[in-house]
Amino acid sequence: MGAASRVILGEDGTGKPAVTPEDVLEEVSSEFGVAKRWLRASRRNSKRVCFARDELSRRLRDLGFSYYDIGKFLGGRTHVGIIYSVRRAEERLTQAAIAEAS
């Protein structure tokens, strides 16, 4: 099933879509102040766009999307690139938590 049409079902089992990739894209776009088209673009951009794209990849992975589907959704990136992107986002979260605890 393609990432664009896939949905995560609500916990109540009604089959109503709870979260779609587009919902997460909208959330990350507004949170980071980055245009949605830049997050889905196949080329590299500024650090801010890359950080936002990494976070988008991480959130989609946390929702259960495959690396392949995330890559397709984000402009045809490879699954290996998405794995690396998710790891970078997780490392930043860990570093932020350590800095906050100090």
N, C-alpha and C. Protein backbone atom coordinates (compact mmCIF):
# COMPACT_ATOMS: atom_id res chain seq x y z
N MET A 1 0.84 -1.17 0.00
CA MET A 1 0.00 0.00 0.00
C MET A 1 0.89 1.23 0.00
N GLY A 2 0.60 2.20 -0.85
CA GLY A 2 1.41 3.40 -0.96
C GLY A 2 1.27 4.29 0.25
N ALA A 3 2.33 5.05 0.53
CA ALA A 3 2.33 5.92 1.70
C ALA A 3 1.27 7.00 1.61
N ALA A 4 1.00 7.50 0.42
CA ALA A 4 0.05 8.59 0.30
C ALA A 4 -1.37 8.16 0.63
N SER A 5 -1.70 6.91 0.41
CA SER A 5 -3.06 6.46 0.67
C SER A 5 -3.20 5.69 1.97
N ARG A 6 -2.09 5.35 2.59
CA ARG A 6 -2.12 4.55 3.82
C ARG A 6 -2.53 5.41 5.01
N VAL A 7 -3.29 4.86 5.92
CA VAL A 7 -3.70 5.58 7.12
C VAL A 7 -3.47 4.69 8.32
N ILE A 8 -3.29 5.31 9.46
CA ILE A 8 -3.21 4.58 10.72
C ILE A 8 -4.62 4.60 11.30
N LEU A 9 -5.15 3.43 11.61
CA LEU A 9 -6.52 3.34 12.10
C LEU A 9 -6.61 3.77 13.55
N GLY A 10 -7.76 4.34 13.90
CA GLY A 10 -8.00 4.76 15.27
C GLY A 10 -7.99 3.57 16.20
N GLU A 11 -7.67 3.83 17.46
CA GLU A 11 -7.57 2.75 18.45
C GLU A 11 -8.91 2.09 18.72
N ASP A 12 -10.01 2.80 18.40
CA ASP A 12 -11.32 2.22 18.66
C ASP A 12 -11.71 1.17 17.62
N GLY A 13 -10.88 1.01 16.59
CA GLY A 13 -11.12 -0.02 15.58
C GLY A 13 -12.22 0.32 14.60
N THR A 14 -12.64 1.57 14.54
CA THR A 14 -13.74 1.95 13.65
C THR A 14 -13.29 2.01 12.20
N GLY A 15 -12.01 2.05 11.97
CA GLY A 15 -11.50 2.15 10.61
C GLY A 15 -11.41 3.58 10.13
N LYS A 16 -11.77 4.53 10.96
CA LYS A 16 -11.65 5.93 10.59
C LYS A 16 -10.17 6.34 10.66
N PRO A 17 -9.70 7.04 9.65
CA PRO A 17 -8.29 7.44 9.67
C PRO A 17 -7.99 8.35 10.85
N ALA A 18 -6.95 8.01 11.60
CA ALA A 18 -6.53 8.84 12.72
C ALA A 18 -5.44 9.80 12.26
N VAL A 19 -4.46 9.30 11.55
CA VAL A 19 -3.34 10.12 11.09
C VAL A 19 -2.92 9.66 9.71
N THR A 20 -2.74 10.59 8.80
CA THR A 20 -2.23 10.28 7.47
C THR A 20 -0.85 10.92 7.32
N PRO A 21 -0.07 10.49 6.35
CA PRO A 21 1.23 11.15 6.13
C PRO A 21 1.08 12.64 5.85
N GLU A 22 0.00 13.01 5.18
CA GLU A 22 -0.23 14.42 4.90
C GLU A 22 -0.46 15.22 6.18
N ASP A 23 -1.13 14.60 7.17
CA ASP A 23 -1.34 15.26 8.47
C ASP A 23 0.00 15.54 9.14
N VAL A 24 0.88 14.55 9.12
CA VAL A 24 2.20 14.70 9.75
C VAL A 24 3.02 15.73 8.98
N LEU A 25 2.92 15.70 7.66
CA LEU A 25 3.62 16.68 6.82
C LEU A 25 3.18 18.10 7.18
N GLU A 26 1.89 18.31 7.32
CA GLU A 26 1.36 19.62 7.69
C GLU A 26 1.87 20.07 9.06
N GLU A 27 1.87 19.15 10.01
CA GLU A 27 2.32 19.45 11.37
C GLU A 27 3.79 19.85 11.40
N VAL A 28 4.64 19.06 10.74
CA VAL A 28 6.08 19.35 10.73
C VAL A 28 6.36 20.63 9.95
N SER A 29 5.65 20.83 8.86
CA SER A 29 5.82 22.03 8.05
C SER A 29 5.57 23.29 8.86
N SER A 30 4.48 23.31 9.60
CA SER A 30 4.16 24.50 10.40
C SER A 30 5.08 24.63 11.61
N GLU A 31 5.46 23.50 12.21
CA GLU A 31 6.34 23.52 13.38
C GLU A 31 7.72 24.08 13.06
N PHE A 32 8.26 23.71 11.89
CA PHE A 32 9.60 24.14 11.51
C PHE A 32 9.60 25.37 10.60
N GLY A 33 8.42 25.80 10.15
CA GLY A 33 8.34 26.94 9.26
C GLY A 33 8.93 26.67 7.89
N VAL A 34 8.70 25.46 7.39
CA VAL A 34 9.24 25.03 6.10
C VAL A 34 8.08 24.65 5.19
N ALA A 35 8.13 25.08 3.95
CA ALA A 35 7.07 24.77 2.99
C ALA A 35 6.99 23.26 2.76
N LYS A 36 5.77 22.77 2.62
CA LYS A 36 5.56 21.33 2.41
C LYS A 36 6.28 20.84 1.15
N ARG A 37 6.30 21.67 0.13
CA ARG A 37 6.93 21.23 -1.13
C ARG A 37 8.43 21.01 -0.94
N TRP A 38 9.07 21.78 -0.02
CA TRP A 38 10.49 21.59 0.23
C TRP A 38 10.76 20.30 1.00
N LEU A 39 9.84 19.93 1.88
CA LEU A 39 10.01 18.69 2.63
C LEU A 39 9.91 17.48 1.72
N ARG A 40 9.11 17.58 0.67
CA ARG A 40 8.92 16.46 -0.25
C ARG A 40 9.83 16.53 -1.47
N ALA A 41 10.62 17.58 -1.59
CA ALA A 41 11.52 17.74 -2.74
C ALA A 41 12.60 16.67 -2.71
N SER A 42 13.04 16.27 -3.89
CA SER A 42 14.03 15.19 -3.97
C SER A 42 15.46 15.69 -3.80
N ARG A 43 15.67 17.00 -3.76
CA ARG A 43 17.04 17.50 -3.62
C ARG A 43 17.34 17.97 -2.21
N ARG A 44 18.61 18.19 -1.95
CA ARG A 44 19.03 18.67 -0.63
C ARG A 44 18.72 20.15 -0.50
N ASN A 45 18.54 20.58 0.71
CA ASN A 45 18.23 21.98 0.98
C ASN A 45 19.03 22.45 2.18
N SER A 46 18.60 23.53 2.78
CA SER A 46 19.27 24.08 3.95
C SER A 46 19.19 23.13 5.14
N LYS A 47 19.97 23.42 6.17
CA LYS A 47 19.96 22.59 7.38
C LYS A 47 18.57 22.54 7.99
N ARG A 48 17.88 23.68 8.00
CA ARG A 48 16.55 23.74 8.59
C ARG A 48 15.59 22.78 7.87
N VAL A 49 15.66 22.75 6.54
CA VAL A 49 14.81 21.84 5.77
C VAL A 49 15.21 20.40 6.05
N CYS A 50 16.50 20.13 6.11
CA CYS A 50 16.97 18.77 6.38
C CYS A 50 16.56 18.30 7.77
N PHE A 51 16.67 19.17 8.77
CA PHE A 51 16.24 18.81 10.12
C PHE A 51 14.75 18.51 10.14
N ALA A 52 13.96 19.33 9.45
CA ALA A 52 12.52 19.13 9.41
C ALA A 52 12.19 17.82 8.70
N ARG A 53 12.90 17.53 7.60
CA ARG A 53 12.66 16.29 6.87
C ARG A 53 13.04 15.08 7.71
N ASP A 54 14.14 15.18 8.46
CA ASP A 54 14.53 14.10 9.36
C ASP A 54 13.44 13.84 10.40
N GLU A 55 12.91 14.91 10.98
CA GLU A 55 11.86 14.77 11.99
C GLU A 55 10.59 14.18 11.37
N LEU A 56 10.26 14.60 10.18
CA LEU A 56 9.10 14.04 9.48
C LEU A 56 9.28 12.55 9.26
N SER A 57 10.47 12.15 8.83
CA SER A 57 10.77 10.72 8.62
C SER A 57 10.63 9.95 9.92
N ARG A 58 11.15 10.50 11.00
CA ARG A 58 11.08 9.83 12.30
C ARG A 58 9.63 9.66 12.75
N ARG A 59 8.85 10.70 12.61
CA ARG A 59 7.45 10.61 13.05
C ARG A 59 6.66 9.61 12.21
N LEU A 60 6.91 9.59 10.90
CA LEU A 60 6.22 8.61 10.06
C LEU A 60 6.65 7.19 10.41
N ARG A 61 7.92 7.01 10.71
CA ARG A 61 8.41 5.68 11.11
C ARG A 61 7.78 5.26 12.44
N ASP A 62 7.65 6.20 13.37
CA ASP A 62 7.02 5.91 14.66
C ASP A 62 5.56 5.48 14.49
N LEU A 63 4.94 5.95 13.42
CA LEU A 63 3.55 5.57 13.13
C LEU A 63 3.45 4.22 12.43
N GLY A 64 4.59 3.64 12.08
CA GLY A 64 4.59 2.30 11.50
C GLY A 64 4.78 2.24 10.00
N PHE A 65 5.08 3.35 9.35
CA PHE A 65 5.31 3.33 7.91
C PHE A 65 6.68 2.71 7.63
N SER A 66 6.78 2.02 6.52
CA SER A 66 8.05 1.39 6.15
C SER A 66 9.02 2.45 5.64
N TYR A 67 10.30 2.13 5.71
CA TYR A 67 11.32 3.05 5.18
C TYR A 67 11.08 3.30 3.70
N TYR A 68 10.69 2.27 2.98
CA TYR A 68 10.42 2.39 1.54
C TYR A 68 9.28 3.37 1.29
N ASP A 69 8.16 3.21 2.02
CA ASP A 69 7.00 4.09 1.82
C ASP A 69 7.32 5.53 2.19
N ILE A 70 8.10 5.72 3.24
CA ILE A 70 8.50 7.08 3.63
C ILE A 70 9.35 7.70 2.53
N GLY A 71 10.29 6.93 2.01
CA GLY A 71 11.14 7.43 0.93
C GLY A 71 10.34 7.82 -0.30
N LYS A 72 9.36 7.01 -0.64
CA LYS A 72 8.50 7.33 -1.78
C LYS A 72 7.72 8.61 -1.53
N PHE A 73 7.20 8.75 -0.33
CA PHE A 73 6.41 9.92 0.05
C PHE A 73 7.27 11.18 0.02
N LEU A 74 8.55 11.05 0.33
CA LEU A 74 9.45 12.20 0.40
C LEU A 74 10.29 12.36 -0.87
N GLY A 75 9.69 12.23 -1.99
CA GLY A 75 10.36 12.56 -3.24
C GLY A 75 11.21 11.47 -3.84
N GLY A 76 10.96 10.22 -3.50
CA GLY A 76 11.69 9.12 -4.11
C GLY A 76 13.04 8.84 -3.47
N ARG A 77 13.18 9.14 -2.22
CA ARG A 77 14.43 8.84 -1.52
C ARG A 77 14.56 7.33 -1.28
N THR A 78 15.79 6.87 -1.12
CA THR A 78 16.00 5.44 -0.89
C THR A 78 15.71 5.09 0.57
N HIS A 79 15.45 3.82 0.81
CA HIS A 79 15.18 3.39 2.18
C HIS A 79 16.41 3.59 3.07
N VAL A 80 17.59 3.47 2.49
CA VAL A 80 18.83 3.66 3.25
C VAL A 80 18.94 5.11 3.71
N GLY A 81 18.60 6.04 2.84
CA GLY A 81 18.61 7.46 3.20
C GLY A 81 17.62 7.76 4.31
N ILE A 82 16.47 7.10 4.27
CA ILE A 82 15.45 7.31 5.30
C ILE A 82 15.92 6.72 6.63
N ILE A 83 16.55 5.56 6.60
CA ILE A 83 17.09 4.97 7.83
C ILE A 83 18.07 5.96 8.48
N TYR A 84 18.96 6.52 7.69
CA TYR A 84 19.94 7.48 8.19
C TYR A 84 19.25 8.73 8.73
N SER A 85 18.23 9.19 8.03
CA SER A 85 17.48 10.37 8.44
C SER A 85 16.79 10.15 9.79
N VAL A 86 16.19 9.00 9.97
CA VAL A 86 15.51 8.67 11.23
C VAL A 86 16.53 8.61 12.36
N ARG A 87 17.67 8.01 12.10
CA ARG A 87 18.73 7.93 13.14
C ARG A 87 19.21 9.31 13.55
N ARG A 88 19.40 10.20 12.57
CA ARG A 88 19.84 11.57 12.89
C ARG A 88 18.82 12.27 13.77
N ALA A 89 17.53 12.13 13.43
CA ALA A 89 16.47 12.77 14.22
C ALA A 89 16.45 12.21 15.64
N GLU A 90 16.63 10.90 15.78
CA GLU A 90 16.65 10.28 17.11
C GLU A 90 17.84 10.75 17.92
N GLU A 91 18.99 10.90 17.27
CA GLU A 91 20.19 11.39 17.95
C GLU A 91 19.98 12.82 18.46
N ARG A 92 19.35 13.66 17.63
CA ARG A 92 19.07 15.03 18.06
C ARG A 92 18.13 15.06 19.26
N LEU A 93 17.13 14.19 19.26
CA LEU A 93 16.21 14.11 20.40
C LEU A 93 16.94 13.69 21.67
N THR A 94 17.82 12.70 21.55
CA THR A 94 18.60 12.23 22.69
C THR A 94 19.50 13.34 23.22
N GLN A 95 20.18 14.04 22.33
CA GLN A 95 21.06 15.13 22.74
C GLN A 95 20.28 16.24 23.42
N ALA A 96 19.09 16.54 22.92
CA ALA A 96 18.26 17.59 23.52
C ALA A 96 17.80 17.18 24.91
N ALA A 97 17.45 15.90 25.08
CA ALA A 97 17.02 15.41 26.38
C ALA A 97 18.17 15.45 27.40
N ILE A 98 19.37 15.11 26.95
CA ILE A 98 20.54 15.15 27.83
C ILE A 98 20.84 16.60 28.23
N ALA A 99 20.79 17.50 27.27
CA ALA A 99 21.05 18.91 27.55
C ALA A 99 20.02 19.49 28.49
N GLU A 100 18.77 19.07 28.33
CA GLU A 100 17.69 19.55 29.18
C GLU A 100 17.84 19.04 30.61
N ALA A 101 18.33 17.81 30.75
CA ALA A 101 18.49 17.20 32.07
C ALA A 101 19.65 17.80 32.84
N SER A 102 20.61 18.38 32.11
CA SER A 102 21.80 18.92 32.77
C SER A 102 21.54 20.24 33.45
